[in-house]
Amino acid sequence: MTKNPDMLDRLQISVPCSTDWDQMTGKDRIRYCGECSRDVYDISRMTRNEAKALISSATSRLCVRLIRDEDGSTLTEEPFIRPHPAGRKA
């Protein structure tokens, strides 16, 4: 069976920002990076649907803070529950 990772788990950060999140101004979900003059969105403070909507609606480069779980999945406000490979029992 081929594993189909969630869109958020396939995200790649091509050029990670060197500015510390705690040094950026703003709130929990969105902070402003003075070094690159961009808003940075913290995906771990969003639901999976909110994060997917943000990414899908982006019309230009998007800066995000991405935190991975031990298994490589992207952390969000609620966990992503992968379907069991054997399927559901009736």
Protein backbone atom coordinates (compact mmCIF):
# COMPACT_ATOMS: atom_id res chain seq x y z
CA MET A 1 0.00 0.00 0.00
CA THR A 2 1.40 3.40 -0.99
CA LYS A 3 1.49 5.98 1.78
CA ASN A 4 -0.06 9.28 0.67
CA PRO A 5 1.26 11.99 3.00
CA ASP A 6 -0.92 14.95 3.82
CA MET A 7 -0.19 18.18 1.89
CA LEU A 8 1.15 19.81 5.08
CA ASP A 9 3.56 16.94 5.65
CA ARG A 10 5.05 17.45 2.18
CA LEU A 11 5.85 21.13 2.78
CA GLN A 12 9.48 22.05 2.29
CA ILE A 13 11.20 25.23 3.45
CA SER A 14 13.66 26.06 0.69
CA VAL A 15 15.41 28.90 2.53
CA PRO A 16 14.83 28.85 6.30
CA CYS A 17 14.70 32.24 7.97
CA SER A 18 17.59 32.94 10.32
CA THR A 19 15.55 35.35 12.47
CA ASP A 20 14.41 33.92 15.81
CA TRP A 21 10.60 33.63 16.05
CA ASP A 22 10.70 35.13 19.55
CA GLN A 23 12.46 38.23 18.21
CA MET A 24 9.72 38.93 15.65
CA THR A 25 6.89 41.31 16.54
CA GLY A 26 3.28 40.17 16.51
CA LYS A 27 0.98 37.57 17.99
CA ASP A 28 0.97 33.78 18.24
CA ARG A 29 -0.17 33.05 14.67
CA ILE A 30 1.39 35.87 12.65
CA ARG A 31 4.59 37.78 13.32
CA TYR A 32 6.50 40.33 11.29
CA CYS A 33 10.09 39.66 10.31
CA GLY A 34 11.96 42.96 10.10
CA GLU A 35 14.91 41.29 8.37
CA CYS A 36 12.93 40.20 5.29
CA SER A 37 9.98 42.62 5.74
CA ARG A 38 7.38 39.85 5.58
CA ASP A 39 4.63 38.35 7.70
CA VAL A 40 5.45 34.86 8.98
CA TYR A 41 2.58 32.47 9.75
CA ASP A 42 2.90 29.83 12.49
CA ILE A 43 1.22 26.72 11.12
CA SER A 44 1.39 24.99 14.52
CA ARG A 45 -1.09 27.60 15.84
CA MET A 46 -3.65 26.86 13.10
CA THR A 47 -5.99 24.00 12.42
CA ARG A 48 -5.02 21.78 9.50
CA ASN A 49 -7.85 23.24 7.42
CA GLU A 50 -6.78 26.81 8.18
CA ALA A 51 -3.17 26.02 7.24
CA LYS A 52 -4.21 24.33 4.00
CA ALA A 53 -6.46 27.28 3.10
CA LEU A 54 -3.60 29.72 3.77
CA ILE A 55 -1.22 27.77 1.54
CA SER A 56 -3.81 27.27 -1.22
CA SER A 57 -4.71 30.95 -1.30
CA ALA A 58 -1.13 32.24 -1.40
CA THR A 59 -0.48 34.20 -4.58
CA SER A 60 3.22 34.81 -3.93
CA ARG A 61 5.99 33.58 -1.68
CA LEU A 62 4.68 32.54 1.72
CA CYS A 63 6.74 32.56 4.92
CA VAL A 64 5.71 29.99 7.52
CA ARG A 65 6.98 28.64 10.80
CA LEU A 66 6.89 24.88 10.48
CA ILE A 67 7.28 22.45 13.38
CA ARG A 68 7.58 18.73 12.68
CA ASP A 69 6.59 15.84 14.94
CA GLU A 70 8.97 12.91 15.49
CA ASP A 71 7.31 11.01 12.63
CA GLY A 72 7.84 13.94 10.23
CA SER A 73 4.25 15.14 10.23
CA THR A 74 3.56 18.87 10.50
CA LEU A 75 2.24 19.93 13.89
CA THR A 76 -1.01 21.91 13.94
CA GLU A 77 -3.63 22.84 16.55
CA GLU A 78 -5.24 19.43 16.15
CA PRO A 79 -3.42 16.23 15.23
CA PHE A 80 -3.71 14.62 11.83
CA ILE A 81 -5.17 11.15 12.29
CA ARG A 82 -3.96 8.87 9.56
CA PRO A 83 -6.37 6.14 8.49
CA HIS A 84 -5.33 2.70 9.64
CA PRO A 85 -3.83 0.72 6.73
CA ALA A 86 -6.21 -2.16 7.34
CA GLY A 87 -9.23 0.12 7.04
CA ARG A 88 -12.17 0.47 9.38
CA LYS A 89 -14.05 -2.43 10.88
CA ALA A 90 -17.82 -2.45 10.67
